[in-house]
Structures are given as C-alpha cells and as structure tokens.
PDB file of N, CA and C in Angstrom:
ATOM      1  N   UNK A   1     101.684 112.480  76.650  1.00  0.00           N
ATOM      2  CA  UNK A   1     102.029 113.685  77.801  1.00  0.00           C
ATOM      3  C   UNK A   1     101.310 112.692  78.638  1.00  0.00           C
ATOM      4  N   UNK A   2     102.806 112.614  79.366  1.00  0.00           N
ATOM      5  CA  UNK A   2     102.398 111.613  80.535  1.00  0.00           C
ATOM      6  C   UNK A   2     102.090 113.257  81.650  1.00  0.00           C
ATOM      7  N   UNK A   3     100.963 113.486  82.471  1.00  0.00           N
ATOM      8  CA  UNK A   3     100.498 113.902  83.307  1.00  0.00           C
ATOM      9  C   UNK A   3     100.841 112.741  84.754  1.00  0.00           C
ATOM     10  N   UNK A   4     100.632 114.126  85.972  1.00  0.00           N
ATOM     11  CA  UNK A   4     100.860 113.489  87.312  1.00  0.00           C
ATOM     12  C   UNK A   4      99.839 112.604  87.330  1.00  0.00           C
ATOM     13  N   UNK A   5      99.643 111.760  87.966  1.00  0.00           N
ATOM     14  CA  UNK A   5      98.642 110.437  88.893  1.00  0.00           C
ATOM     15  C   UNK A   5      98.306 108.801  87.563  1.00  0.00           C
ATOM     16  N   UNK A   6      98.656 109.272  86.901  1.00  0.00           N
ATOM     17  CA  UNK A   6      99.340 108.572  84.909  1.00  0.00           C
ATOM     18  C   UNK A   6     100.031 107.201  85.530  1.00  0.00           C
ATOM     19  N   UNK A   7      98.529 106.448  85.422  1.00  0.00           N
ATOM     20  CA  UNK A   7      99.491 104.693  85.415  1.00  0.00           C
ATOM     21  C   UNK A   7     100.386 104.690  84.286  1.00  0.00           C
ATOM     22  N   UNK A   8     101.510 103.988  84.190  1.00  0.00           N
ATOM     23  CA  UNK A   8     102.308 103.605  83.572  1.00  0.00           C
ATOM     24  C   UNK A   8     102.834 101.888  83.579  1.00  0.00           C
ATOM     25  N   UNK A   9     104.025 101.906  82.836  1.00  0.00           N
ATOM     26  CA  UNK A   9     104.631 100.262  82.754  1.00  0.00           C
ATOM     27  C   UNK A   9     105.930 100.360  82.615  1.00  0.00           C
ATOM     28  N   UNK A  10     106.929 100.018  83.198  1.00  0.00           N
ATOM     29  CA  UNK A  10     108.320  99.433  83.047  1.00  0.00           C
ATOM     30  C   UNK A  10     108.283  98.947  81.383  1.00  0.00           C
ATOM     31  N   UNK A  11     109.638 100.470  80.227  1.00  0.00           N
ATOM     32  CA  UNK A  11     109.893  99.774  79.036  1.00  0.00           C
ATOM     33  C   UNK A  11     110.820  98.457  79.248  1.00  0.00           C
ATOM     34  N   UNK A  12     111.778  98.239  80.243  1.00  0.00           N
ATOM     35  CA  UNK A  12     112.801  97.811  80.198  1.00  0.00           C
ATOM     36  C   UNK A  12     113.349  97.340  81.420  1.00  0.00           C
ATOM     37  N   UNK A  13     114.233  95.844  81.551  1.00  0.00           N
ATOM     38  CA  UNK A  13     114.301  96.013  84.000  1.00  0.00           C
ATOM     39  C   UNK A  13     114.847  96.909  84.077  1.00  0.00           C
ATOM     40  N   UNK A  14     115.121  97.108  85.410  1.00  0.00           N
ATOM     41  CA  UNK A  14     115.392  98.145  86.053  1.00  0.00           C
ATOM     42  C   UNK A  14     116.700  97.392  87.420  1.00  0.00           C
ATOM     43  N   UNK A  15     117.361  98.010  87.332  1.00  0.00           N
ATOM     44  CA  UNK A  15     118.614  97.051  87.485  1.00  0.00           C
ATOM     45  C   UNK A  15     118.459  96.927  89.116  1.00  0.00           C
ATOM     46  N   UNK A  16     118.704  98.607  90.305  1.00  0.00           N
ATOM     47  CA  UNK A  16     118.607  98.052  91.669  1.00  0.00           C
ATOM     48  C   UNK A  16     117.023  99.561  91.902  1.00  0.00           C
ATOM     49  N   UNK A  17     116.206  99.469  92.675  1.00  0.00           N
ATOM     50  CA  UNK A  17     115.599  97.931  92.954  1.00  0.00           C
ATOM     51  C   UNK A  17     114.678  97.354  91.764  1.00  0.00           C
ATOM     52  N   UNK A  18     114.722  96.075  92.041  1.00  0.00           N
ATOM     53  CA  UNK A  18     114.408  95.058  90.863  1.00  0.00           C
ATOM     54  C   UNK A  18     113.269  94.834  90.292  1.00  0.00           C
ATOM     55  N   UNK A  19     113.154  95.502  89.429  1.00  0.00           N
ATOM     56  CA  UNK A  19     111.903  95.981  88.433  1.00  0.00           C
ATOM     57  C   UNK A  19     111.354  95.422  87.368  1.00  0.00           C
ATOM     58  N   UNK A  20     111.442  94.029  86.608  1.00  0.00           N
ATOM     59  CA  UNK A  20     111.433  93.907  85.758  1.00  0.00           C
ATOM     60  C   UNK A  20     110.537  94.287  84.634  1.00  0.00           C
ATOM     61  N   UNK A  21     111.169  94.898  83.011  1.00  0.00           N
ATOM     62  CA  UNK A  21     109.059  94.926  82.608  1.00  0.00           C
ATOM     63  C   UNK A  21     108.899  95.261  82.340  1.00  0.00           C
ATOM     64  N   UNK A  22     107.560  95.558  82.497  1.00  0.00           N
ATOM     65  CA  UNK A  22     106.411  95.317  82.544  1.00  0.00           C
ATOM     66  C   UNK A  22     105.639  95.833  84.433  1.00  0.00           C
ATOM     67  N   UNK A  23     106.297  96.301  84.943  1.00  0.00           N
ATOM     68  CA  UNK A  23     106.177  96.573  85.862  1.00  0.00           C
ATOM     69  C   UNK A  23     104.476  98.100  85.545  1.00  0.00           C
ATOM     70  N   UNK A  24     104.295  97.759  87.412  1.00  0.00           N
ATOM     71  CA  UNK A  24     103.449  99.017  86.577  1.00  0.00           C
ATOM     72  C   UNK A  24     103.839 100.661  87.570  1.00  0.00           C
ATOM     73  N   UNK A  25     103.036 102.007  87.215  1.00  0.00           N
ATOM     74  CA  UNK A  25     103.546 102.185  88.578  1.00  0.00           C
ATOM     75  C   UNK A  25     102.602 104.029  88.174  1.00  0.00           C
ATOM     76  N   UNK A  26     102.582 104.080  89.226  1.00  0.00           N
ATOM     77  CA  UNK A  26     102.011 106.002  89.466  1.00  0.00           C
ATOM     78  C   UNK A  26     103.031 107.299  88.514  1.00  0.00           C
ATOM     79  N   UNK A  27     102.514 108.156  87.642  1.00  0.00           N
ATOM     80  CA  UNK A  27     103.459 108.869  88.123  1.00  0.00           C
ATOM     81  C   UNK A  27     103.467 110.156  88.912  1.00  0.00           C
ATOM     82  N   UNK A  28     104.018 110.584  90.546  1.00  0.00           N
ATOM     83  CA  UNK A  28     103.881 111.388  91.475  1.00  0.00           C
ATOM     84  C   UNK A  28     104.911 112.907  90.674  1.00  0.00           C
ATOM     85  N   UNK A  29     105.503 113.131  90.253  1.00  0.00           N
ATOM     86  CA  UNK A  29     105.802 114.362  89.308  1.00  0.00           C
ATOM     87  C   UNK A  29     106.326 114.237  88.057  1.00  0.00           C
ATOM     88  N   UNK A  30     106.427 115.278  87.426  1.00  0.00           N
ATOM     89  CA  UNK A  30     106.938 115.390  86.375  1.00  0.00           C
ATOM     90  C   UNK A  30     107.401 116.535  86.758  1.00  0.00           C
ATOM     91  N   UNK A  31     108.854 116.780  85.454  1.00  0.00           N
ATOM     92  CA  UNK A  31     110.455 117.402  86.088  1.00  0.00           C
ATOM     93  C   UNK A  31     109.771 118.379  84.091  1.00  0.00           C
ATOM     94  N   UNK A  32     109.932 119.194  84.391  1.00  0.00           N
ATOM     95  CA  UNK A  32     109.827 120.923  83.620  1.00  0.00           C
ATOM     96  C   UNK A  32     110.393 120.224  82.382  1.00  0.00           C
ATOM     97  N   UNK A  33     111.078 119.614  82.228  1.00  0.00           N
ATOM     98  CA  UNK A  33     112.244 119.092  80.886  1.00  0.00           C
ATOM     99  C   UNK A  33     111.359 118.814  79.563  1.00  0.00           C
ATOM    100  N   UNK A  34     110.585 117.997  80.375  1.00  0.00           N
ATOM    101  CA  UNK A  34     109.552 117.218  79.777  1.00  0.00           C
ATOM    102  C   UNK A  34     109.668 115.663  79.586  1.00  0.00           C
ATOM    103  N   UNK A  35     111.114 115.505  79.875  1.00  0.00           N
ATOM    104  CA  UNK A  35     111.539 113.727  79.577  1.00  0.00           C
ATOM    105  C   UNK A  35     111.728 113.029  80.629  1.00  0.00           C
ATOM    106  N   UNK A  36     111.713 113.834  81.719  1.00  0.00           N
ATOM    107  CA  UNK A  36     112.213 112.547  83.399  1.00  0.00           C
ATOM    108  C   UNK A  36     110.650 112.930  84.214  1.00  0.00           C
ATOM    109  N   UNK A  37     110.733 111.856  85.079  1.00  0.00           N
ATOM    110  CA  UNK A  37     109.109 111.797  85.440  1.00  0.00           C
ATOM    111  C   UNK A  37     109.529 110.759  86.517  1.00  0.00           C
ATOM    112  N   UNK A  38     109.331 110.717  88.310  1.00  0.00           N
ATOM    113  CA  UNK A  38     109.395 110.451  89.087  1.00  0.00           C
ATOM    114  C   UNK A  38     108.212 109.402  89.408  1.00  0.00           C
ATOM    115  N   UNK A  39     108.474 108.299  89.206  1.00  0.00           N
ATOM    116  CA  UNK A  39     107.420 106.658  89.658  1.00  0.00           C
ATOM    117  C   UNK A  39     107.404 105.778  90.501  1.00  0.00           C
ATOM    118  N   UNK A  40     106.182 105.921  90.760  1.00  0.00           N
ATOM    119  CA  UNK A  40     106.038 105.497  92.456  1.00  0.00           C
ATOM    120  C   UNK A  40     105.822 103.983  91.437  1.00  0.00           C
ATOM    121  N   UNK A  41     106.365 103.581  92.377  1.00  0.00           N
ATOM    122  CA  UNK A  41     105.779 101.325  91.910  1.00  0.00           C
ATOM    123  C   UNK A  41     105.122 101.163  93.902  1.00  0.00           C
ATOM    124  N   UNK A  42     104.771 100.732  94.359  1.00  0.00           N
ATOM    125  CA  UNK A  42     104.247  99.452  95.048  1.00  0.00           C
ATOM    126  C   UNK A  42     104.239  98.565  95.284  1.00  0.00           C
ATOM    127  N   UNK A  43     103.995  97.356  96.181  1.00  0.00           N
ATOM    128  CA  UNK A  43     103.525  96.623  96.263  1.00  0.00           C
ATOM    129  C   UNK A  43     101.683  96.014  96.401  1.00  0.00           C
ATOM    130  N   UNK A  44     101.375  95.040  95.769  1.00  0.00           N
ATOM    131  CA  UNK A  44      99.153  94.571  96.732  1.00  0.00           C
ATOM    132  C   UNK A  44      99.692  95.006  97.740  1.00  0.00           C
ATOM    133  N   UNK A  45     100.029  94.936  99.119  1.00  0.00           N
ATOM    134  CA  UNK A  45      99.266  95.157 100.139  1.00  0.00           C
ATOM    135  C   UNK A  45      99.812  96.792 100.157  1.00  0.00           C
ATOM    136  N   UNK A  46      99.932  97.234  99.083  1.00  0.00           N
ATOM    137  CA  UNK A  46      99.755  99.403  98.675  1.00  0.00           C
ATOM    138  C   UNK A  46     101.680  99.651  99.002  1.00  0.00           C
ATOM    139  N   UNK A  47     102.174  99.060 100.054  1.00  0.00           N
ATOM    140  CA  UNK A  47     103.660  99.217 100.945  1.00  0.00           C
ATOM    141  C   UNK A  47     104.997  99.540  99.645  1.00  0.00           C
ATOM    142  N   UNK A  48     105.263 100.967  99.127  1.00  0.00           N
ATOM    143  CA  UNK A  48     106.271 101.894  98.515  1.00  0.00           C
ATOM    144  C   UNK A  48     107.043 101.180  98.279  1.00  0.00           C
ATOM    145  N   UNK A  49     107.289 100.185  97.252  1.00  0.00           N
ATOM    146  CA  UNK A  49     109.333  99.820  96.599  1.00  0.00           C
ATOM    147  C   UNK A  49     109.631 100.355  95.874  1.00  0.00           C
ATOM    148  N   UNK A  50     109.447 100.924  95.651  1.00  0.00           N
ATOM    149  CA  UNK A  50     110.107 102.417  94.713  1.00  0.00           C
ATOM    150  C   UNK A  50     110.013 103.944  94.777  1.00  0.00           C
ATOM    151  N   UNK A  51     110.963 104.650  94.814  1.00  0.00           N
ATOM    152  CA  UNK A  51     110.346 105.551  93.482  1.00  0.00           C
ATOM    153  C   UNK A  51     111.533 106.161  92.950  1.00  0.00           C
ATOM    154  N   UNK A  52     111.239 106.327  91.488  1.00  0.00           N
ATOM    155  CA  UNK A  52     112.692 105.980  90.853  1.00  0.00           C
ATOM    156  C   UNK A  52     112.667 107.115  89.303  1.00  0.00           C
ATOM    157  N   UNK A  53     113.343 107.555  88.791  1.00  0.00           N
ATOM    158  CA  UNK A  53     113.631 109.296  88.198  1.00  0.00           C
ATOM    159  C   UNK A  53     113.835 108.630  86.787  1.00  0.00           C
ATOM    160  N   UNK A  54     113.005 108.554  86.291  1.00  0.00           N
ATOM    161  CA  UNK A  54     112.745 108.001  84.930  1.00  0.00           C
ATOM    162  C   UNK A  54     112.584 108.599  83.645  1.00  0.00           C
ATOM    163  N   UNK A  55     113.174 108.036  82.903  1.00  0.00           N
ATOM    164  CA  UNK A  55     113.411 109.092  81.572  1.00  0.00           C
ATOM    165  C   UNK A  55     111.796 108.370  80.996  1.00  0.00           C
ATOM    166  N   UNK A  56     111.215 109.222  79.641  1.00  0.00           N
ATOM    167  CA  UNK A  56     110.571 108.895  78.798  1.00  0.00           C
ATOM    168  C   UNK A  56     109.918 107.974  78.247  1.00  0.00           C
ATOM    169  N   UNK A  57     111.447 107.642  78.107  1.00  0.00           N
ATOM    170  CA  UNK A  57     112.163 106.239  77.026  1.00  0.00           C
ATOM    171  C   UNK A  57     111.344 104.590  77.731  1.00  0.00           C
ATOM    172  N   UNK A  58     111.900 105.186  79.583  1.00  0.00           N
ATOM    173  CA  UNK A  58     111.651 103.786  80.557  1.00  0.00           C
ATOM    174  C   UNK A  58     110.420 103.684  80.111  1.00  0.00           C
ATOM    175  N   UNK A  59     108.919 104.152  79.904  1.00  0.00           N
ATOM    176  CA  UNK A  59     108.269 104.123  80.661  1.00  0.00           C
ATOM    177  C   UNK A  59     106.705 104.235  79.891  1.00  0.00           C
ATOM    178  N   UNK A  60     106.110 103.853  79.685  1.00  0.00           N
ATOM    179  CA  UNK A  60     104.929 103.494  78.561  1.00  0.00           C
ATOM    180  C   UNK A  60     103.622 103.884  79.150  1.00  0.00           C
ATOM    181  N   UNK A  61     102.530 105.000  78.684  1.00  0.00           N
ATOM    182  CA  UNK A  61     101.503 105.455  79.959  1.00  0.00           C
ATOM    183  C   UNK A  61     100.681 103.543  79.445  1.00  0.00           C
ATOM    184  N   UNK A  62      99.781 103.178  80.648  1.00  0.00           N
ATOM    185  CA  UNK A  62      99.231 102.137  80.472  1.00  0.00           C
ATOM    186  C   UNK A  62      98.769 102.531  79.258  1.00  0.00           C
ATOM    187  N   UNK A  63      97.233 103.224  79.420  1.00  0.00           N
ATOM    188  CA  UNK A  63      96.634 103.752  78.360  1.00  0.00           C
ATOM    189  C   UNK A  63      97.305 103.008  76.408  1.00  0.00           C
ATOM    190  N   UNK A  64      98.682 103.209  76.430  1.00  0.00           N
ATOM    191  CA  UNK A  64      99.541 102.932  75.059  1.00  0.00           C
ATOM    192  C   UNK A  64      98.923 101.827  75.574  1.00  0.00           C
ATOM    193  N   UNK A  65      99.589 101.646  76.466  1.00  0.00           N
ATOM    194  CA  UNK A  65      99.938  99.214  76.709  1.00  0.00           C
ATOM    195  C   UNK A  65      99.089  98.702  76.594  1.00  0.00           C
ATOM    196  N   UNK A  66      98.329  99.620  76.900  1.00  0.00           N
ATOM    197  CA  UNK A  66      96.073  98.849  76.747  1.00  0.00           C
ATOM    198  C   UNK A  66      96.205  98.332  75.233  1.00  0.00           C
ATOM    199  N   UNK A  67      95.595  99.791  74.746  1.00  0.00           N
ATOM    200  CA  UNK A  67      95.741 100.236  73.172  1.00  0.00           C
ATOM    201  C   UNK A  67      96.442  99.424  72.270  1.00  0.00           C
ATOM    202  N   UNK A  68      98.296  99.220  72.542  1.00  0.00           N
ATOM    203  CA  UNK A  68      99.052  98.406  71.397  1.00  0.00           C
ATOM    204  C   UNK A  68      98.037  96.764  71.652  1.00  0.00           C
ATOM    205  N   UNK A  69      97.892  96.044  73.068  1.00  0.00           N
ATOM    206  CA  UNK A  69      97.430  94.683  73.240  1.00  0.00           C
ATOM    207  C   UNK A  69      96.474  95.066  72.174  1.00  0.00           C
ATOM    208  N   UNK A  70      94.893  95.207  72.556  1.00  0.00           N
ATOM    209  CA  UNK A  70      94.139  95.295  71.811  1.00  0.00           C
ATOM    210  C   UNK A  70      94.264  95.551  69.987  1.00  0.00           C
ATOM    211  N   UNK A  71      95.478  95.750  69.402  1.00  0.00           N
ATOM    212  CA  UNK A  71      95.867  96.167  68.228  1.00  0.00           C
ATOM    213  C   UNK A  71      96.480  95.087  68.514  1.00  0.00           C
ATOM    214  N   UNK A  72      96.579  94.044  68.370  1.00  0.00           N
ATOM    215  CA  UNK A  72      96.900  93.151  68.430  1.00  0.00           C
ATOM    216  C   UNK A  72      95.983  91.797  67.928  1.00  0.00           C
ATOM    217  N   UNK A  73      95.804  91.993  68.720  1.00  0.00           N
ATOM    218  CA  UNK A  73      94.275  91.191  69.690  1.00  0.00           C
ATOM    219  C   UNK A  73      93.691  90.478  67.937  1.00  0.00           C
ATOM    220  N   UNK A  74      93.216  92.829  67.725  1.00  0.00           N
ATOM    221  CA  UNK A  74      92.351  92.802  66.299  1.00  0.00           C
ATOM    222  C   UNK A  74      93.298  92.215  64.969  1.00  0.00           C
ATOM    223  N   UNK A  75      93.953  91.830  64.573  1.00  0.00           N
ATOM    224  CA  UNK A  75      95.060  91.597  63.143  1.00  0.00           C
ATOM    225  C   UNK A  75      95.344  90.820  63.418  1.00  0.00           C
ATOM    226  N   UNK A  76      94.812  90.123  63.945  1.00  0.00           N
ATOM    227  CA  UNK A  76      94.872  88.545  64.205  1.00  0.00           C
ATOM    228  C   UNK A  76      93.579  87.589  64.621  1.00  0.00           C
ATOM    229  N   UNK A  77      92.183  88.528  64.063  1.00  0.00           N
ATOM    230  CA  UNK A  77      90.489  87.647  65.052  1.00  0.00           C
ATOM    231  C   UNK A  77      90.788  88.020  62.725  1.00  0.00           C
ATOM    232  N   UNK A  78      89.994  87.040  63.084  1.00  0.00           N
ATOM    233  CA  UNK A  78      89.012  87.485  62.372  1.00  0.00           C
ATOM    234  C   UNK A  78      87.750  88.043  61.662  1.00  0.00           C
ATOM    235  N   UNK A  79      87.590  87.925  60.979  1.00  0.00           N
ATOM    236  CA  UNK A  79      86.978  89.366  60.340  1.00  0.00           C
ATOM    237  C   UNK A  79      85.547  89.115  60.036  1.00  0.00           C
ATOM    238  N   UNK A  80      84.269  88.161  60.787  1.00  0.00           N
ATOM    239  CA  UNK A  80      83.545  87.848  61.580  1.00  0.00           C
ATOM    240  C   UNK A  80      83.627  88.478  62.212  1.00  0.00           C
ATOM    241  N   UNK A  81      84.469  88.332  63.881  1.00  0.00           N
ATOM    242  CA  UNK A  81      84.278  87.655  65.209  1.00  0.00           C
ATOM    243  C   UNK A  81      85.039  89.967  65.528  1.00  0.00           C
ATOM    244  N   UNK A  82      85.237  90.583  63.904  1.00  0.00           N
ATOM    245  CA  UNK A  82      85.458  91.846  64.311  1.00  0.00           C
ATOM    246  C   UNK A  82      84.105  92.784  64.129  1.00  0.00           C
ATOM    247  N   UNK A  83      83.281  92.239  64.167  1.00  0.00           N
ATOM    248  CA  UNK A  83      81.908  93.309  63.905  1.00  0.00           C
ATOM    249  C   UNK A  83      81.914  92.875  65.513  1.00  0.00           C
ATOM    250  N   UNK A  84      81.373  91.930  65.821  1.00  0.00           N
ATOM    251  CA  UNK A  84      81.388  91.545  67.094  1.00  0.00           C
ATOM    252  C   UNK A  84      82.318  92.119  68.587  1.00  0.00           C
ATOM    253  N   UNK A  85      83.333  92.448  67.805  1.00  0.00           N
ATOM    254  CA  UNK A  85      84.210  93.758  69.146  1.00  0.00           C
ATOM    255  C   UNK A  85      83.557  94.412  68.536  1.00  0.00           C
ATOM    256  N   UNK A  86      83.662  95.517  68.085  1.00  0.00           N
ATOM    257  CA  UNK A  86      82.664  97.273  67.550  1.00  0.00           C
ATOM    258  C   UNK A  86      81.099  97.151  68.257  1.00  0.00           C
ATOM    259  N   UNK A  87      81.069  95.782  67.976  1.00  0.00           N
ATOM    260  CA  UNK A  87      80.211  95.810  68.834  1.00  0.00           C
ATOM    261  C   UNK A  87      80.019  96.711  70.067  1.00  0.00           C
ATOM    262  N   UNK A  88      80.736  95.322  70.942  1.00  0.00           N
ATOM    263  CA  UNK A  88      81.143  95.781  72.219  1.00  0.00           C
ATOM    264  C   UNK A  88      81.481  96.981  72.887  1.00  0.00           C
ATOM    265  N   UNK A  89      82.277  97.187  71.483  1.00  0.00           N
ATOM    266  CA  UNK A  89      82.499  98.354  72.092  1.00  0.00           C
ATOM    267  C   UNK A  89      81.465  99.400  71.401  1.00  0.00           C
ATOM    268  N   UNK A  90      81.068  99.751  71.085  1.00  0.00           N
ATOM    269  CA  UNK A  90      80.062 100.534  70.977  1.00  0.00           C
ATOM    270  C   UNK A  90      79.293 100.656  72.393  1.00  0.00           C
ATOM    271  N   UNK A  91      78.651  99.361  72.972  1.00  0.00           N
ATOM    272  CA  UNK A  91      77.649  99.150  74.152  1.00  0.00           C
ATOM    273  C   UNK A  91      78.243  99.218  75.071  1.00  0.00           C
ATOM    274  N   UNK A  92      79.781  99.618  75.399  1.00  0.00           N
ATOM    275  CA  UNK A  92      80.924  99.849  76.144  1.00  0.00           C
ATOM    276  C   UNK A  92      80.288 101.554  75.930  1.00  0.00           C
ATOM    277  N   UNK A  93      80.699 102.434  75.541  1.00  0.00           N
ATOM    278  CA  UNK A  93      80.743 103.347  75.034  1.00  0.00           C
ATOM    279  C   UNK A  93      78.887 104.461  75.587  1.00  0.00           C
ATOM    280  N   UNK A  94      78.481 102.902  75.009  1.00  0.00           N
ATOM    281  CA  UNK A  94      76.553 103.255  75.582  1.00  0.00           C
ATOM    282  C   UNK A  94      76.842 103.551  76.464  1.00  0.00           C
ATOM    283  N   UNK A  95      76.557 103.509  77.168  1.00  0.00           N
ATOM    284  CA  UNK A  95      77.170 102.404  79.071  1.00  0.00           C
ATOM    285  C   UNK A  95      77.616 103.683  80.026  1.00  0.00           C
ATOM    286  N   UNK A  96      78.563 104.235  79.657  1.00  0.00           N
ATOM    287  CA  UNK A  96      79.185 104.887  79.986  1.00  0.00           C
ATOM    288  C   UNK A  96      78.786 106.539  79.809  1.00  0.00           C
ATOM    289  N   UNK A  97      78.123 106.439  78.595  1.00  0.00           N
ATOM    290  CA  UNK A  97      77.308 108.040  78.406  1.00  0.00           C
ATOM    291  C   UNK A  97      75.865 107.750  79.177  1.00  0.00           C
ATOM    292  N   UNK A  98      75.716 106.657  79.896  1.00  0.00           N
ATOM    293  CA  UNK A  98      73.753 106.820  80.080  1.00  0.00           C
ATOM    294  C   UNK A  98      74.215 106.364  81.707  1.00  0.00           C
TER     295      UNK A  98
END
C-alpha cells in the first residue's frame, strides 16, 4: 500500500515533462480511489521538476524496487556467499535494534 511521503520509482518514461523510467519521487497525495497518486519529482538541488498525477501502475515503491534488486543478486550468488549475506543482514538487524 502506497502512502503519502513514500519514495517511489517510475516504471515507465513520462514524456511531459521528460522523466525517464527509474526517476525517483515522493508521494505527496493519495486519492481515495486508491489507484491515483500525486508524486513530486525534484532535482538534486531540491528544486521541483514536476508534480504529476499518476496511476499505481506507473510507480513502484522504492522498498519494493530495492527488494527486487536484492533478490536478483541473491539468485546468482554462489551458495557460499549466501551465508555471508545472511550474516550481514542479521548484523544490520541487530545494529538497528541495539
């Protein structure tokens, strides 16, 4: 479920203004129909490029994008490295809790 202030990534190119697939933005409003959201895209300087009304299919939550990237990496790692990845993830979890 996408909510306001979530970071999202475009799943397609947008022509006007020109924003390529993979552009990152922040959800600034969720419409009650659950399918529509307004997303603000900014430059590295913090200046707003655009605020667009998009459909849910036009974006992917940043967390889901990162999870998919990690799974793709894990699927090609040799068995002996998977244990190292698990150990590192457990370390990060302990650090966060501690």
